[in-house]
């Protein structure tokens, strides 16, 4: 973890992440009120990028390291206010997503009553979220690479 991140860098990074997160949340709330679909879920990908940018700007690798950093400056009112703002935004996002799960009947309670897949065949078809191309799981296996597969629910 970088140890020489200044208070002002931390404050600006927190402000930028909060502003982006709040704007994304408001936009998703408005869009979901109209219709739930791919376009409404895309801002969530932007949040992942914003979080990565936040960590990179602070020279940390994860939330625990970021928390350790802001603890060093927590006596500063601006740092404390922005950390509290970020934590409040996290609560608002969690609350929104829980309501959305209930609305869509996609809570873990409902989903757990469906039989879970034990394995996926290599010819299982998916849609690549960025290119919209149909791809198969087999296209990504056996290349000696680390694979992170993120499966999102289909909103159709």
C-alpha atoms as a PDB file:
ATOM      1  CA  UNK A   1       0.000   0.000   0.000  1.00  0.00           C
ATOM      2  CA  UNK A   2       1.284   3.448  -0.826  1.00  0.00           C
ATOM      3  CA  UNK A   3       1.978   5.378   2.361  1.00  0.00           C
ATOM      4  CA  UNK A   4       2.434   8.832   0.918  1.00  0.00           C
ATOM      5  CA  UNK A   5      -1.110   9.600  -0.181  1.00  0.00           C
ATOM      6  CA  UNK A   6      -2.028  13.048   1.014  1.00  0.00           C
ATOM      7  CA  UNK A   7      -5.189  14.146   2.764  1.00  0.00           C
ATOM      8  CA  UNK A   8      -6.298  16.255  -0.203  1.00  0.00           C
ATOM      9  CA  UNK A   9      -5.870  13.319  -2.603  1.00  0.00           C
ATOM     10  CA  UNK A  10      -7.989  11.184  -0.298  1.00  0.00           C
ATOM     11  CA  UNK A  11     -10.695  13.850   0.005  1.00  0.00           C
ATOM     12  CA  UNK A  12     -10.874  14.406  -3.758  1.00  0.00           C
ATOM     13  CA  UNK A  13     -10.999  10.667  -4.473  1.00  0.00           C
ATOM     14  CA  UNK A  14     -13.804  10.204  -1.937  1.00  0.00           C
ATOM     15  CA  UNK A  15     -15.773  13.141  -3.349  1.00  0.00           C
ATOM     16  CA  UNK A  16     -15.416  11.854  -6.919  1.00  0.00           C
ATOM     17  CA  UNK A  17     -16.528   8.330  -5.979  1.00  0.00           C
ATOM     18  CA  UNK A  18     -19.495   9.614  -3.963  1.00  0.00           C
ATOM     19  CA  UNK A  19     -20.602  11.947  -6.741  1.00  0.00           C
ATOM     20  CA  UNK A  20     -20.382   9.222  -9.375  1.00  0.00           C
ATOM     21  CA  UNK A  21     -22.115   6.678  -7.134  1.00  0.00           C
ATOM     22  CA  UNK A  22     -24.934   9.037  -6.223  1.00  0.00           C
ATOM     23  CA  UNK A  23     -25.496  10.107  -9.842  1.00  0.00           C
ATOM     24  CA  UNK A  24     -25.511   6.462 -10.955  1.00  0.00           C
ATOM     25  CA  UNK A  25     -27.976   5.523  -8.241  1.00  0.00           C
ATOM     26  CA  UNK A  26     -30.365   8.334  -9.141  1.00  0.00           C
ATOM     27  CA  UNK A  27     -30.176   7.490 -12.852  1.00  0.00           C
ATOM     28  CA  UNK A  28     -30.779   3.788 -12.250  1.00  0.00           C
ATOM     29  CA  UNK A  29     -33.723   4.564  -9.953  1.00  0.00           C
ATOM     30  CA  UNK A  30     -35.318   6.745 -12.639  1.00  0.00           C
ATOM     31  CA  UNK A  31     -34.708   4.218 -15.409  1.00  0.00           C
ATOM     32  CA  UNK A  32     -35.930   1.235 -13.398  1.00  0.00           C
ATOM     33  CA  UNK A  33     -39.148   3.081 -12.637  1.00  0.00           C
ATOM     34  CA  UNK A  34     -39.800   3.016 -16.412  1.00  0.00           C
ATOM     35  CA  UNK A  35     -38.588  -0.452 -17.346  1.00  0.00           C
ATOM     36  CA  UNK A  36     -35.991  -2.926 -16.161  1.00  0.00           C
ATOM     37  CA  UNK A  37     -33.518  -3.953 -18.815  1.00  0.00           C
ATOM     38  CA  UNK A  38     -29.924  -4.020 -19.959  1.00  0.00           C
ATOM     39  CA  UNK A  39     -29.607  -0.243 -20.245  1.00  0.00           C
ATOM     40  CA  UNK A  40     -30.675   0.215 -16.638  1.00  0.00           C
ATOM     41  CA  UNK A  41     -28.107  -2.257 -15.339  1.00  0.00           C
ATOM     42  CA  UNK A  42     -25.131  -0.892 -17.307  1.00  0.00           C
ATOM     43  CA  UNK A  43     -24.367   1.862 -14.734  1.00  0.00           C
ATOM     44  CA  UNK A  44     -23.388  -0.890 -12.313  1.00  0.00           C
ATOM     45  CA  UNK A  45     -20.408  -1.637 -14.551  1.00  0.00           C
ATOM     46  CA  UNK A  46     -19.440   2.025 -14.293  1.00  0.00           C
ATOM     47  CA  UNK A  47     -19.464   1.706 -10.526  1.00  0.00           C
ATOM     48  CA  UNK A  48     -16.924  -1.107 -10.725  1.00  0.00           C
ATOM     49  CA  UNK A  49     -14.655   1.125 -12.827  1.00  0.00           C
ATOM     50  CA  UNK A  50     -15.168   4.048 -10.450  1.00  0.00           C
ATOM     51  CA  UNK A  51     -14.224   1.850  -7.501  1.00  0.00           C
ATOM     52  CA  UNK A  52     -11.087   0.652  -9.287  1.00  0.00           C
ATOM     53  CA  UNK A  53     -10.159   4.246 -10.134  1.00  0.00           C
ATOM     54  CA  UNK A  54     -10.702   5.203  -6.477  1.00  0.00           C
ATOM     55  CA  UNK A  55      -8.382   2.435  -5.250  1.00  0.00           C
ATOM     56  CA  UNK A  56      -5.754   3.257  -7.891  1.00  0.00           C
ATOM     57  CA  UNK A  57      -5.783   6.961  -7.064  1.00  0.00           C
ATOM     58  CA  UNK A  58      -5.067   6.098  -3.429  1.00  0.00           C
ATOM     59  CA  UNK A  59      -2.479   3.460  -4.274  1.00  0.00           C
ATOM     60  CA  UNK A  60      -4.428   0.724  -2.462  1.00  0.00           C
ATOM     61  CA  UNK A  61      -5.637  -2.677  -3.585  1.00  0.00           C
ATOM     62  CA  UNK A  62      -8.839  -3.156  -1.609  1.00  0.00           C
ATOM     63  CA  UNK A  63     -11.356  -1.603   0.767  1.00  0.00           C
ATOM     64  CA  UNK A  64      -9.447  -2.679   3.864  1.00  0.00           C
ATOM     65  CA  UNK A  65      -6.359  -0.777   2.695  1.00  0.00           C
ATOM     66  CA  UNK A  66      -8.503   2.274   1.826  1.00  0.00           C
ATOM     67  CA  UNK A  67     -10.061   2.163   5.301  1.00  0.00           C
ATOM     68  CA  UNK A  68      -6.602   1.982   6.879  1.00  0.00           C
ATOM     69  CA  UNK A  69      -5.597   5.041   4.861  1.00  0.00           C
ATOM     70  CA  UNK A  70      -8.587   7.162   5.776  1.00  0.00           C
ATOM     71  CA  UNK A  71      -8.220   6.183   9.442  1.00  0.00           C
ATOM     72  CA  UNK A  72      -4.918   8.091   9.357  1.00  0.00           C
ATOM     73  CA  UNK A  73      -6.778  11.273   8.383  1.00  0.00           C
ATOM     74  CA  UNK A  74     -10.072  10.682  10.173  1.00  0.00           C
ATOM     75  CA  UNK A  75      -9.527  13.575  12.573  1.00  0.00           C
ATOM     76  CA  UNK A  76      -9.960  15.881   9.559  1.00  0.00           C
ATOM     77  CA  UNK A  77     -13.576  17.019   9.179  1.00  0.00           C
ATOM     78  CA  UNK A  78     -13.563  16.808   5.362  1.00  0.00           C
ATOM     79  CA  UNK A  79     -12.203  13.254   5.416  1.00  0.00           C
ATOM     80  CA  UNK A  80     -14.669  12.182   8.097  1.00  0.00           C
ATOM     81  CA  UNK A  81     -17.646  13.782   6.308  1.00  0.00           C
ATOM     82  CA  UNK A  82     -16.718  12.184   2.977  1.00  0.00           C
ATOM     83  CA  UNK A  83     -16.136   8.752   4.504  1.00  0.00           C
ATOM     84  CA  UNK A  84     -19.534   9.005   6.205  1.00  0.00           C
ATOM     85  CA  UNK A  85     -21.030  10.089   2.861  1.00  0.00           C
ATOM     86  CA  UNK A  86     -19.504   7.062   1.144  1.00  0.00           C
ATOM     87  CA  UNK A  87     -20.818   4.709   3.830  1.00  0.00           C
ATOM     88  CA  UNK A  88     -24.289   6.266   3.545  1.00  0.00           C
ATOM     89  CA  UNK A  89     -24.193   5.848  -0.236  1.00  0.00           C
ATOM     90  CA  UNK A  90     -23.329   2.167   0.259  1.00  0.00           C
ATOM     91  CA  UNK A  91     -26.400   1.773   2.487  1.00  0.00           C
ATOM     92  CA  UNK A  92     -28.593   3.499  -0.125  1.00  0.00           C
ATOM     93  CA  UNK A  93     -27.321   1.232  -2.922  1.00  0.00           C
ATOM     94  CA  UNK A  94     -27.848  -1.882  -0.791  1.00  0.00           C
ATOM     95  CA  UNK A  95     -31.378  -0.793   0.049  1.00  0.00           C
ATOM     96  CA  UNK A  96     -32.192  -0.058  -3.598  1.00  0.00           C
ATOM     97  CA  UNK A  97     -30.844  -3.411  -4.786  1.00  0.00           C
ATOM     98  CA  UNK A  98     -32.791  -5.284  -2.110  1.00  0.00           C
ATOM     99  CA  UNK A  99     -36.007  -3.519  -3.184  1.00  0.00           C
ATOM    100  CA  UNK A 100     -35.222  -4.342  -6.816  1.00  0.00           C
ATOM    101  CA  UNK A 101     -34.712  -8.013  -5.940  1.00  0.00           C
ATOM    102  CA  UNK A 102     -38.099  -8.090  -4.209  1.00  0.00           C
ATOM    103  CA  UNK A 103     -39.788  -6.251  -7.079  1.00  0.00           C
ATOM    104  CA  UNK A 104     -38.319  -8.662  -9.614  1.00  0.00           C
ATOM    105  CA  UNK A 105     -38.857 -11.663  -7.373  1.00  0.00           C
ATOM    106  CA  UNK A 106     -35.153 -12.394  -7.542  1.00  0.00           C
ATOM    107  CA  UNK A 107     -34.252 -12.533  -3.861  1.00  0.00           C
ATOM    108  CA  UNK A 108     -31.991 -15.314  -2.639  1.00  0.00           C
ATOM    109  CA  UNK A 109     -34.984 -16.841  -0.858  1.00  0.00           C
ATOM    110  CA  UNK A 110     -36.956 -17.124  -4.105  1.00  0.00           C
ATOM    111  CA  UNK A 111     -33.979 -18.197  -6.197  1.00  0.00           C
ATOM    112  CA  UNK A 112     -32.896 -20.843  -3.690  1.00  0.00           C
ATOM    113  CA  UNK A 113     -36.142 -22.708  -4.366  1.00  0.00           C
ATOM    114  CA  UNK A 114     -35.100 -23.329  -7.966  1.00  0.00           C
ATOM    115  CA  UNK A 115     -32.734 -26.203  -8.632  1.00  0.00           C
ATOM    116  CA  UNK A 116     -29.139 -24.987  -8.883  1.00  0.00           C
ATOM    117  CA  UNK A 117     -26.926 -26.010 -11.774  1.00  0.00           C
ATOM    118  CA  UNK A 118     -24.087 -28.201 -10.588  1.00  0.00           C
ATOM    119  CA  UNK A 119     -21.981 -27.773 -13.720  1.00  0.00           C
ATOM    120  CA  UNK A 120     -21.963 -25.769 -16.922  1.00  0.00           C
ATOM    121  CA  UNK A 121     -21.216 -27.385 -20.262  1.00  0.00           C
ATOM    122  CA  UNK A 122     -18.508 -25.803 -22.383  1.00  0.00           C
ATOM    123  CA  UNK A 123     -21.056 -25.188 -25.156  1.00  0.00           C
ATOM    124  CA  UNK A 124     -23.276 -23.135 -22.821  1.00  0.00           C
ATOM    125  CA  UNK A 125     -24.153 -19.930 -24.686  1.00  0.00           C
ATOM    126  CA  UNK A 126     -23.800 -16.459 -23.170  1.00  0.00           C
ATOM    127  CA  UNK A 127     -23.969 -12.916 -24.450  1.00  0.00           C
ATOM    128  CA  UNK A 128     -20.735 -10.956 -24.094  1.00  0.00           C
ATOM    129  CA  UNK A 129     -21.879  -7.810 -22.298  1.00  0.00           C
ATOM    130  CA  UNK A 130     -19.537  -5.419 -24.115  1.00  0.00           C
ATOM    131  CA  UNK A 131     -19.748  -6.721 -27.675  1.00  0.00           C
ATOM    132  CA  UNK A 132     -23.259  -8.237 -27.538  1.00  0.00           C
ATOM    133  CA  UNK A 133     -21.830 -11.277 -29.365  1.00  0.00           C
ATOM    134  CA  UNK A 134     -23.016 -14.780 -28.569  1.00  0.00           C
ATOM    135  CA  UNK A 135     -20.131 -16.679 -26.997  1.00  0.00           C
ATOM    136  CA  UNK A 136     -19.703 -20.089 -25.451  1.00  0.00           C
ATOM    137  CA  UNK A 137     -17.999 -20.906 -22.202  1.00  0.00           C
ATOM    138  CA  UNK A 138     -15.600 -23.143 -24.126  1.00  0.00           C
ATOM    139  CA  UNK A 139     -14.143 -20.109 -25.928  1.00  0.00           C
ATOM    140  CA  UNK A 140     -12.623 -18.964 -22.637  1.00  0.00           C
ATOM    141  CA  UNK A 141     -11.496 -22.279 -21.128  1.00  0.00           C
ATOM    142  CA  UNK A 142      -8.214 -24.115 -21.567  1.00  0.00           C
ATOM    143  CA  UNK A 143      -6.109 -21.089 -22.477  1.00  0.00           C
ATOM    144  CA  UNK A 144      -3.981 -21.186 -19.342  1.00  0.00           C
ATOM    145  CA  UNK A 145      -5.386 -17.823 -18.271  1.00  0.00           C
ATOM    146  CA  UNK A 146      -7.091 -16.807 -15.085  1.00  0.00           C
ATOM    147  CA  UNK A 147     -10.785 -16.475 -15.865  1.00  0.00           C
ATOM    148  CA  UNK A 148     -13.228 -14.355 -13.932  1.00  0.00           C
ATOM    149  CA  UNK A 149     -16.725 -15.134 -15.114  1.00  0.00           C
ATOM    150  CA  UNK A 150     -19.423 -12.766 -13.957  1.00  0.00           C
ATOM    151  CA  UNK A 151     -22.919 -14.044 -14.530  1.00  0.00           C
ATOM    152  CA  UNK A 152     -25.687 -11.483 -14.393  1.00  0.00           C
ATOM    153  CA  UNK A 153     -29.339 -12.249 -14.226  1.00  0.00           C
ATOM    154  CA  UNK A 154     -31.247 -11.931 -17.441  1.00  0.00           C
ATOM    155  CA  UNK A 155     -33.790  -9.127 -17.299  1.00  0.00           C
ATOM    156  CA  UNK A 156     -36.083 -10.188 -20.069  1.00  0.00           C
END
